[in-house]
Amino acid sequence: MPGQQWQSTPQERQAAYQRATLTAKEAAEVLGISYWLVLELVKRKKIPAIHAGSRVLFRLESLNKWLDEQEQGSLRQEPERGKLRVVGQ
């Protein structure tokens, strides 16, 4: 169901963090977004993912790096637009 969050037990989360990869449902929980949004981001190639046959897997380290990049991108200042500069003076 779109927008519905997948819930895991603390034991399942701990086991997921100890594995080399996470499933899309586990990645959604780590990121705090829906499973469906994770799949959409993968489809648009906006999030780092590993395709293993029909499965989509994620490395926790890659997700953390991606989060850092998203955070830094939100802090970038846009250059001022519309200001004219005087040329030749």
N, C-alpha and C. Protein backbone atom coordinates (compact mmCIF):
# COMPACT_ATOMS: atom_id res chain seq x y z
N MET A 1 0.83 -1.17 0.00
CA MET A 1 0.00 0.00 0.00
C MET A 1 0.89 1.25 0.00
N PRO A 2 0.73 2.17 -0.93
CA PRO A 2 1.58 3.36 -0.99
C PRO A 2 1.51 4.17 0.30
N GLY A 3 2.67 4.65 0.72
CA GLY A 3 2.74 5.50 1.91
C GLY A 3 2.77 4.74 3.22
N GLN A 4 2.54 3.44 3.19
CA GLN A 4 2.52 2.66 4.42
C GLN A 4 3.95 2.29 4.81
N GLN A 5 4.29 2.51 6.06
CA GLN A 5 5.63 2.21 6.55
C GLN A 5 5.70 0.74 6.97
N TRP A 6 6.82 0.11 6.68
CA TRP A 6 7.08 -1.27 7.10
C TRP A 6 7.71 -1.20 8.47
N GLN A 7 7.23 -1.99 9.39
CA GLN A 7 7.76 -1.99 10.75
C GLN A 7 8.48 -3.31 11.03
N SER A 8 9.65 -3.21 11.63
CA SER A 8 10.41 -4.40 11.99
C SER A 8 10.65 -4.40 13.48
N THR A 9 11.03 -5.56 13.97
CA THR A 9 11.35 -5.67 15.40
C THR A 9 12.79 -5.19 15.62
N PRO A 10 13.14 -4.82 16.84
CA PRO A 10 14.53 -4.42 17.11
C PRO A 10 15.54 -5.50 16.72
N GLN A 11 15.18 -6.76 16.91
CA GLN A 11 16.08 -7.85 16.54
C GLN A 11 16.30 -7.91 15.03
N GLU A 12 15.23 -7.69 14.26
CA GLU A 12 15.35 -7.69 12.80
C GLU A 12 16.22 -6.52 12.34
N ARG A 13 16.04 -5.35 12.96
CA ARG A 13 16.86 -4.19 12.60
C ARG A 13 18.32 -4.44 12.91
N GLN A 14 18.60 -5.02 14.07
CA GLN A 14 19.99 -5.30 14.46
C GLN A 14 20.63 -6.28 13.47
N ALA A 15 19.88 -7.32 13.09
CA ALA A 15 20.40 -8.30 12.14
C ALA A 15 20.66 -7.65 10.78
N ALA A 16 19.77 -6.75 10.37
CA ALA A 16 19.94 -6.07 9.09
C ALA A 16 21.19 -5.21 9.08
N TYR A 17 21.48 -4.52 10.18
CA TYR A 17 22.65 -3.66 10.25
C TYR A 17 23.94 -4.46 10.23
N GLN A 18 23.89 -5.71 10.65
CA GLN A 18 25.09 -6.54 10.68
C GLN A 18 25.38 -7.20 9.33
N ARG A 19 24.38 -7.26 8.45
CA ARG A 19 24.59 -7.84 7.12
C ARG A 19 25.28 -6.82 6.22
N ALA A 20 25.79 -7.29 5.12
CA ALA A 20 26.47 -6.41 4.17
C ALA A 20 25.47 -5.53 3.41
N THR A 21 24.26 -6.04 3.21
CA THR A 21 23.26 -5.30 2.43
C THR A 21 21.92 -5.27 3.14
N LEU A 22 21.10 -4.31 2.72
CA LEU A 22 19.74 -4.16 3.23
C LEU A 22 18.77 -4.37 2.08
N THR A 23 17.57 -4.83 2.40
CA THR A 23 16.51 -4.92 1.40
C THR A 23 15.90 -3.53 1.22
N ALA A 24 15.04 -3.38 0.23
CA ALA A 24 14.38 -2.10 -0.01
C ALA A 24 13.51 -1.71 1.19
N LYS A 25 12.85 -2.68 1.80
CA LYS A 25 12.01 -2.38 2.98
C LYS A 25 12.87 -1.90 4.14
N GLU A 26 14.01 -2.55 4.33
CA GLU A 26 14.91 -2.14 5.41
C GLU A 26 15.51 -0.76 5.12
N ALA A 27 15.86 -0.52 3.87
CA ALA A 27 16.40 0.79 3.49
C ALA A 27 15.36 1.89 3.73
N ALA A 28 14.11 1.60 3.42
CA ALA A 28 13.04 2.57 3.65
C ALA A 28 12.94 2.92 5.12
N GLU A 29 13.04 1.93 5.97
CA GLU A 29 12.96 2.18 7.41
C GLU A 29 14.16 2.99 7.89
N VAL A 30 15.33 2.65 7.41
CA VAL A 30 16.54 3.39 7.80
C VAL A 30 16.42 4.86 7.38
N LEU A 31 15.90 5.09 6.18
CA LEU A 31 15.79 6.45 5.65
C LEU A 31 14.57 7.20 6.18
N GLY A 32 13.62 6.47 6.73
CA GLY A 32 12.40 7.11 7.25
C GLY A 32 11.44 7.52 6.15
N ILE A 33 11.47 6.79 5.03
CA ILE A 33 10.57 7.06 3.92
C ILE A 33 9.84 5.77 3.57
N SER A 34 8.85 5.87 2.69
CA SER A 34 8.08 4.68 2.34
C SER A 34 8.87 3.75 1.41
N TYR A 35 8.49 2.51 1.46
CA TYR A 35 9.07 1.48 0.58
C TYR A 35 8.89 1.89 -0.88
N TRP A 36 7.71 2.42 -1.20
CA TRP A 36 7.40 2.79 -2.58
C TRP A 36 8.27 3.95 -3.05
N LEU A 37 8.57 4.89 -2.16
CA LEU A 37 9.46 5.99 -2.53
C LEU A 37 10.88 5.48 -2.78
N VAL A 38 11.33 4.53 -1.98
CA VAL A 38 12.65 3.93 -2.21
C VAL A 38 12.70 3.32 -3.61
N LEU A 39 11.68 2.56 -3.97
CA LEU A 39 11.66 1.94 -5.31
C LEU A 39 11.63 2.99 -6.41
N GLU A 40 10.90 4.08 -6.20
CA GLU A 40 10.84 5.15 -7.19
C GLU A 40 12.21 5.83 -7.34
N LEU A 41 12.90 6.06 -6.23
CA LEU A 41 14.24 6.66 -6.28
C LEU A 41 15.22 5.75 -7.01
N VAL A 42 15.08 4.44 -6.81
CA VAL A 42 15.93 3.47 -7.52
C VAL A 42 15.64 3.54 -9.02
N LYS A 43 14.37 3.56 -9.36
CA LYS A 43 13.96 3.62 -10.76
C LYS A 43 14.53 4.86 -11.45
N ARG A 44 14.54 5.99 -10.74
CA ARG A 44 15.06 7.25 -11.29
C ARG A 44 16.58 7.38 -11.17
N LYS A 45 17.20 6.36 -10.58
CA LYS A 45 18.65 6.35 -10.35
C LYS A 45 19.09 7.54 -9.50
N LYS A 46 18.31 7.83 -8.47
CA LYS A 46 18.59 8.94 -7.56
C LYS A 46 19.22 8.47 -6.25
N ILE A 47 19.25 7.15 -6.04
CA ILE A 47 19.77 6.60 -4.79
C ILE A 47 20.67 5.42 -5.14
N PRO A 48 21.77 5.23 -4.42
CA PRO A 48 22.67 4.12 -4.74
C PRO A 48 22.05 2.77 -4.39
N ALA A 49 22.04 1.87 -5.36
CA ALA A 49 21.43 0.56 -5.16
C ALA A 49 22.23 -0.49 -5.92
N ILE A 50 22.09 -1.73 -5.47
CA ILE A 50 22.74 -2.87 -6.10
C ILE A 50 21.63 -3.75 -6.66
N HIS A 51 21.70 -4.04 -7.95
CA HIS A 51 20.71 -4.93 -8.57
C HIS A 51 21.30 -6.33 -8.61
N ALA A 52 20.63 -7.26 -7.94
CA ALA A 52 21.06 -8.66 -7.90
C ALA A 52 19.89 -9.50 -8.42
N GLY A 53 19.90 -9.73 -9.71
CA GLY A 53 18.76 -10.42 -10.31
C GLY A 53 17.54 -9.52 -10.23
N SER A 54 16.47 -10.03 -9.65
CA SER A 54 15.25 -9.23 -9.50
C SER A 54 15.23 -8.46 -8.18
N ARG A 55 16.24 -8.66 -7.36
CA ARG A 55 16.30 -7.98 -6.06
C ARG A 55 17.06 -6.67 -6.16
N VAL A 56 16.66 -5.74 -5.30
CA VAL A 56 17.37 -4.47 -5.17
C VAL A 56 17.89 -4.42 -3.75
N LEU A 57 19.20 -4.23 -3.62
CA LEU A 57 19.84 -4.21 -2.30
C LEU A 57 20.57 -2.90 -2.10
N PHE A 58 20.85 -2.59 -0.83
CA PHE A 58 21.49 -1.33 -0.47
C PHE A 58 22.55 -1.58 0.58
N ARG A 59 23.66 -0.86 0.49
CA ARG A 59 24.68 -0.89 1.54
C ARG A 59 24.39 0.26 2.50
N LEU A 60 24.43 -0.02 3.78
CA LEU A 60 24.15 1.01 4.78
C LEU A 60 25.12 2.18 4.62
N GLU A 61 26.39 1.89 4.35
CA GLU A 61 27.39 2.95 4.18
C GLU A 61 27.02 3.86 3.02
N SER A 62 26.54 3.27 1.93
CA SER A 62 26.15 4.06 0.76
C SER A 62 24.93 4.93 1.06
N LEU A 63 23.99 4.38 1.81
CA LEU A 63 22.81 5.17 2.18
C LEU A 63 23.19 6.34 3.07
N ASN A 64 24.10 6.10 4.02
CA ASN A 64 24.54 7.19 4.90
C ASN A 64 25.27 8.27 4.11
N LYS A 65 26.10 7.87 3.17
CA LYS A 65 26.80 8.85 2.32
C LYS A 65 25.80 9.63 1.48
N TRP A 66 24.80 8.95 0.93
CA TRP A 66 23.77 9.60 0.12
C TRP A 66 23.00 10.61 0.97
N LEU A 67 22.68 10.23 2.21
CA LEU A 67 21.99 11.16 3.11
C LEU A 67 22.83 12.41 3.35
N ASP A 68 24.12 12.22 3.60
CA ASP A 68 25.02 13.36 3.80
C ASP A 68 25.03 14.27 2.58
N GLU A 69 25.07 13.68 1.39
CA GLU A 69 25.07 14.47 0.16
C GLU A 69 23.76 15.23 -0.01
N GLN A 70 22.64 14.60 0.35
CA GLN A 70 21.35 15.28 0.25
C GLN A 70 21.29 16.46 1.21
N GLU A 71 21.82 16.25 2.41
CA GLU A 71 21.83 17.31 3.41
C GLU A 71 22.70 18.47 2.94
N GLN A 72 23.89 18.18 2.43
CA GLN A 72 24.78 19.24 1.96
C GLN A 72 24.17 19.98 0.77
N GLY A 73 23.51 19.25 -0.10
CA GLY A 73 22.86 19.87 -1.26
C GLY A 73 21.77 20.85 -0.86
N SER A 74 21.10 20.58 0.26
CA SER A 74 20.04 21.47 0.71
C SER A 74 20.60 22.74 1.32
N LEU A 75 21.89 22.76 1.65
CA LEU A 75 22.51 23.93 2.27
C LEU A 75 23.20 24.84 1.27
N ARG A 76 23.37 24.40 0.04
CA ARG A 76 24.07 25.20 -0.96
C ARG A 76 23.29 26.48 -1.26
N GLN A 77 24.00 27.55 -1.37
CA GLN A 77 23.40 28.84 -1.71
C GLN A 77 23.32 28.98 -3.22
N GLU A 78 22.18 29.40 -3.69
CA GLU A 78 22.03 29.69 -5.11
C GLU A 78 22.71 31.02 -5.40
N PRO A 79 23.40 31.14 -6.52
CA PRO A 79 24.00 32.44 -6.86
C PRO A 79 22.90 33.47 -7.07
N GLU A 80 23.22 34.71 -6.75
CA GLU A 80 22.24 35.77 -6.93
C GLU A 80 21.98 35.94 -8.41
N ARG A 81 20.72 36.02 -8.75
CA ARG A 81 20.33 36.19 -10.15
C ARG A 81 19.68 37.56 -10.33
N GLY A 82 19.79 38.06 -11.50
CA GLY A 82 19.11 39.30 -11.82
C GLY A 82 19.91 40.56 -11.51
N LYS A 83 21.08 40.42 -10.93
CA LYS A 83 21.90 41.60 -10.65
C LYS A 83 22.72 41.93 -11.89
N LEU A 84 22.71 43.19 -12.27
CA LEU A 84 23.51 43.64 -13.40
C LEU A 84 24.85 44.12 -12.89
N ARG A 85 25.87 43.86 -13.66
CA ARG A 85 27.17 44.39 -13.28
C ARG A 85 27.63 45.36 -14.36
N VAL A 86 28.39 46.33 -13.94
CA VAL A 86 28.89 47.34 -14.86
C VAL A 86 30.15 46.80 -15.51
N VAL A 87 30.22 46.85 -16.83
CA VAL A 87 31.36 46.34 -17.58
C VAL A 87 32.18 47.52 -18.09
N GLY A 88 33.51 47.44 -17.97
CA GLY A 88 34.39 48.43 -18.55
C GLY A 88 34.66 49.64 -17.67
N GLN A 89 34.36 49.59 -16.42
CA GLN A 89 34.66 50.73 -15.54
C GLN A 89 35.70 50.39 -14.54
